[in-house]
Amino acid sequence: MPENVAEIIRDPITLSTWFMDDGNIIKRNGKTYGYYLNTQSFSKEENNSISQALNKVHGIENLLEKNHGRYRIRIMKKESRSKFQDIIGKYMLPAMRYKLG
């Protein structure tokens, strides 16, 4: 993983592309509860770096969630979900906007 992950995810187009590829919505009974960045291919330490960068660069609070013995990033708080949508929404391809709910 690049050491400059914070610099990389600062770009909203990069973050949007990443979400379109490896992200998904957390939705139950028609209601959006959050988003996942499926970062299971990274180590726990690398996930921590990504998590901290999302918070530091964009103010997006998030948690690491264990998934099949690996970790992924979960964005649950309403304010953080809104920030995430505002940052990446305009760069989402129309066919992928369903991922935002």
C-alpha atoms as a PDB file:
ATOM      1  CA  MET A   1       0.000   0.000   0.000  1.00  0.00           C
ATOM      2  CA  PRO A   2       1.351   3.451  -0.826  1.00  0.00           C
ATOM      3  CA  GLU A   3       2.574   5.517   2.104  1.00  0.00           C
ATOM      4  CA  ASN A   4       0.770   8.579   0.733  1.00  0.00           C
ATOM      5  CA  VAL A   5      -2.718   7.077   1.041  1.00  0.00           C
ATOM      6  CA  ALA A   6      -4.066  10.334   2.530  1.00  0.00           C
ATOM      7  CA  GLU A   7      -2.859  12.232  -0.518  1.00  0.00           C
ATOM      8  CA  ILE A   8      -4.395   9.659  -2.849  1.00  0.00           C
ATOM      9  CA  ILE A   9      -7.859   9.655  -1.264  1.00  0.00           C
ATOM     10  CA  ARG A  10      -7.904  13.448  -1.081  1.00  0.00           C
ATOM     11  CA  ASP A  11      -8.943  13.366  -4.739  1.00  0.00           C
ATOM     12  CA  PRO A  12     -12.737  12.872  -4.904  1.00  0.00           C
ATOM     13  CA  ILE A  13     -12.512  11.181  -8.301  1.00  0.00           C
ATOM     14  CA  THR A  14     -10.135   8.579  -6.894  1.00  0.00           C
ATOM     15  CA  LEU A  15     -12.355   8.000  -3.861  1.00  0.00           C
ATOM     16  CA  SER A  16     -15.436   7.750  -6.080  1.00  0.00           C
ATOM     17  CA  THR A  17     -13.752   5.267  -8.413  1.00  0.00           C
ATOM     18  CA  TRP A  18     -12.657   3.158  -5.461  1.00  0.00           C
ATOM     19  CA  PHE A  19     -16.200   3.104  -4.057  1.00  0.00           C
ATOM     20  CA  MET A  20     -17.728   2.231  -7.435  1.00  0.00           C
ATOM     21  CA  ASP A  21     -15.336  -0.717  -7.674  1.00  0.00           C
ATOM     22  CA  ASP A  22     -15.014  -1.946  -4.084  1.00  0.00           C
ATOM     23  CA  GLY A  23     -17.803  -0.268  -2.152  1.00  0.00           C
ATOM     24  CA  ASN A  24     -21.361  -1.098  -1.314  1.00  0.00           C
ATOM     25  CA  ILE A  25     -24.357   0.236   0.536  1.00  0.00           C
ATOM     26  CA  ILE A  26     -25.619  -1.080   3.863  1.00  0.00           C
ATOM     27  CA  LYS A  27     -29.384  -1.111   3.373  1.00  0.00           C
ATOM     28  CA  ARG A  28     -32.146  -2.796   5.331  1.00  0.00           C
ATOM     29  CA  ASN A  29     -35.885  -2.504   4.784  1.00  0.00           C
ATOM     30  CA  GLY A  30     -35.304   0.192   2.178  1.00  0.00           C
ATOM     31  CA  LYS A  31     -33.302   2.404   4.539  1.00  0.00           C
ATOM     32  CA  THR A  32     -29.634   3.299   4.075  1.00  0.00           C
ATOM     33  CA  TYR A  33     -27.562   2.657   7.184  1.00  0.00           C
ATOM     34  CA  GLY A  34     -24.069   3.122   5.813  1.00  0.00           C
ATOM     35  CA  TYR A  35     -21.412   2.183   3.332  1.00  0.00           C
ATOM     36  CA  TYR A  36     -18.601  -0.328   3.125  1.00  0.00           C
ATOM     37  CA  LEU A  37     -15.242   0.054   1.480  1.00  0.00           C
ATOM     38  CA  ASN A  38     -14.244  -3.550   0.934  1.00  0.00           C
ATOM     39  CA  THR A  39     -10.609  -3.313   1.917  1.00  0.00           C
ATOM     40  CA  GLN A  40     -10.226  -6.948   2.964  1.00  0.00           C
ATOM     41  CA  SER A  41      -7.125  -7.358   0.799  1.00  0.00           C
ATOM     42  CA  PHE A  42      -5.232  -4.957   3.085  1.00  0.00           C
ATOM     43  CA  SER A  43      -3.772  -5.823   6.480  1.00  0.00           C
ATOM     44  CA  LYS A  44      -5.312  -4.493   9.676  1.00  0.00           C
ATOM     45  CA  GLU A  45      -2.512  -1.911   9.911  1.00  0.00           C
ATOM     46  CA  GLU A  46      -3.087  -0.776   6.327  1.00  0.00           C
ATOM     47  CA  ASN A  47      -6.824  -0.556   6.991  1.00  0.00           C
ATOM     48  CA  ASN A  48      -6.074   1.594  10.034  1.00  0.00           C
ATOM     49  CA  SER A  49      -4.030   3.928   7.827  1.00  0.00           C
ATOM     50  CA  ILE A  50      -6.878   4.213   5.315  1.00  0.00           C
ATOM     51  CA  SER A  51      -9.421   4.716   8.098  1.00  0.00           C
ATOM     52  CA  GLN A  52      -7.369   7.471   9.718  1.00  0.00           C
ATOM     53  CA  ALA A  53      -6.800   9.152   6.350  1.00  0.00           C
ATOM     54  CA  LEU A  54     -10.551   9.214   5.601  1.00  0.00           C
ATOM     55  CA  ASN A  55     -11.142  10.880   8.940  1.00  0.00           C
ATOM     56  CA  LYS A  56      -8.235  13.322   8.733  1.00  0.00           C
ATOM     57  CA  VAL A  57      -8.659  14.364   5.092  1.00  0.00           C
ATOM     58  CA  HIS A  58     -12.448  14.346   4.739  1.00  0.00           C
ATOM     59  CA  GLY A  59     -13.773  14.255   8.311  1.00  0.00           C
ATOM     60  CA  ILE A  60     -15.455  10.922   7.596  1.00  0.00           C
ATOM     61  CA  GLU A  61     -15.723   8.925  10.802  1.00  0.00           C
ATOM     62  CA  ASN A  62     -15.548   5.201  10.175  1.00  0.00           C
ATOM     63  CA  LEU A  63     -14.855   1.881  11.828  1.00  0.00           C
ATOM     64  CA  LEU A  64     -12.971  -1.245  10.947  1.00  0.00           C
ATOM     65  CA  GLU A  65     -15.228  -4.271  10.796  1.00  0.00           C
ATOM     66  CA  LYS A  66     -14.015  -7.844  10.739  1.00  0.00           C
ATOM     67  CA  ASN A  67     -15.333  -9.759   7.737  1.00  0.00           C
ATOM     68  CA  HIS A  68     -14.357 -13.385   7.088  1.00  0.00           C
ATOM     69  CA  GLY A  69     -11.196 -12.959   9.153  1.00  0.00           C
ATOM     70  CA  ARG A  70     -10.144  -9.766   7.360  1.00  0.00           C
ATOM     71  CA  TYR A  71     -11.047  -6.095   7.812  1.00  0.00           C
ATOM     72  CA  ARG A  72     -13.119  -3.626   5.857  1.00  0.00           C
ATOM     73  CA  ILE A  73     -14.121  -0.012   6.459  1.00  0.00           C
ATOM     74  CA  ARG A  74     -17.655   0.832   7.543  1.00  0.00           C
ATOM     75  CA  ILE A  75     -19.103   4.359   7.371  1.00  0.00           C
ATOM     76  CA  MET A  76     -22.216   4.474   9.566  1.00  0.00           C
ATOM     77  CA  LYS A  77     -22.740   7.871  11.216  1.00  0.00           C
ATOM     78  CA  LYS A  78     -25.316   9.980   9.402  1.00  0.00           C
ATOM     79  CA  GLU A  79     -23.044  13.029   9.208  1.00  0.00           C
ATOM     80  CA  SER A  80     -20.193  10.955   7.802  1.00  0.00           C
ATOM     81  CA  ARG A  81     -22.490   9.269   5.273  1.00  0.00           C
ATOM     82  CA  SER A  82     -23.636  12.700   4.095  1.00  0.00           C
ATOM     83  CA  LYS A  83     -20.050  13.944   3.766  1.00  0.00           C
ATOM     84  CA  PHE A  84     -19.118  10.815   1.841  1.00  0.00           C
ATOM     85  CA  GLN A  85     -22.077  11.284  -0.534  1.00  0.00           C
ATOM     86  CA  ASP A  86     -21.228  14.966  -1.037  1.00  0.00           C
ATOM     87  CA  ILE A  87     -17.597  14.170  -1.845  1.00  0.00           C
ATOM     88  CA  ILE A  88     -18.117  11.323  -4.307  1.00  0.00           C
ATOM     89  CA  GLY A  89     -21.706  11.720  -5.541  1.00  0.00           C
ATOM     90  CA  LYS A  90     -21.082  13.994  -8.501  1.00  0.00           C
ATOM     91  CA  TYR A  91     -18.347  11.685  -9.787  1.00  0.00           C
ATOM     92  CA  MET A  92     -20.398   8.485  -9.648  1.00  0.00           C
ATOM     93  CA  LEU A  93     -21.321   7.011 -13.011  1.00  0.00           C
ATOM     94  CA  PRO A  94     -25.106   6.925 -13.472  1.00  0.00           C
ATOM     95  CA  ALA A  95     -25.101   3.112 -13.581  1.00  0.00           C
ATOM     96  CA  MET A  96     -23.339   3.005 -10.194  1.00  0.00           C
ATOM     97  CA  ARG A  97     -25.394   5.581  -8.271  1.00  0.00           C
ATOM     98  CA  TYR A  98     -27.520   2.814  -6.788  1.00  0.00           C
ATOM     99  CA  LYS A  99     -24.579   2.192  -4.459  1.00  0.00           C
ATOM    100  CA  LEU A 100     -25.335   5.490  -2.705  1.00  0.00           C
ATOM    101  CA  GLY A 101     -28.982   4.592  -2.094  1.00  0.00           C
END
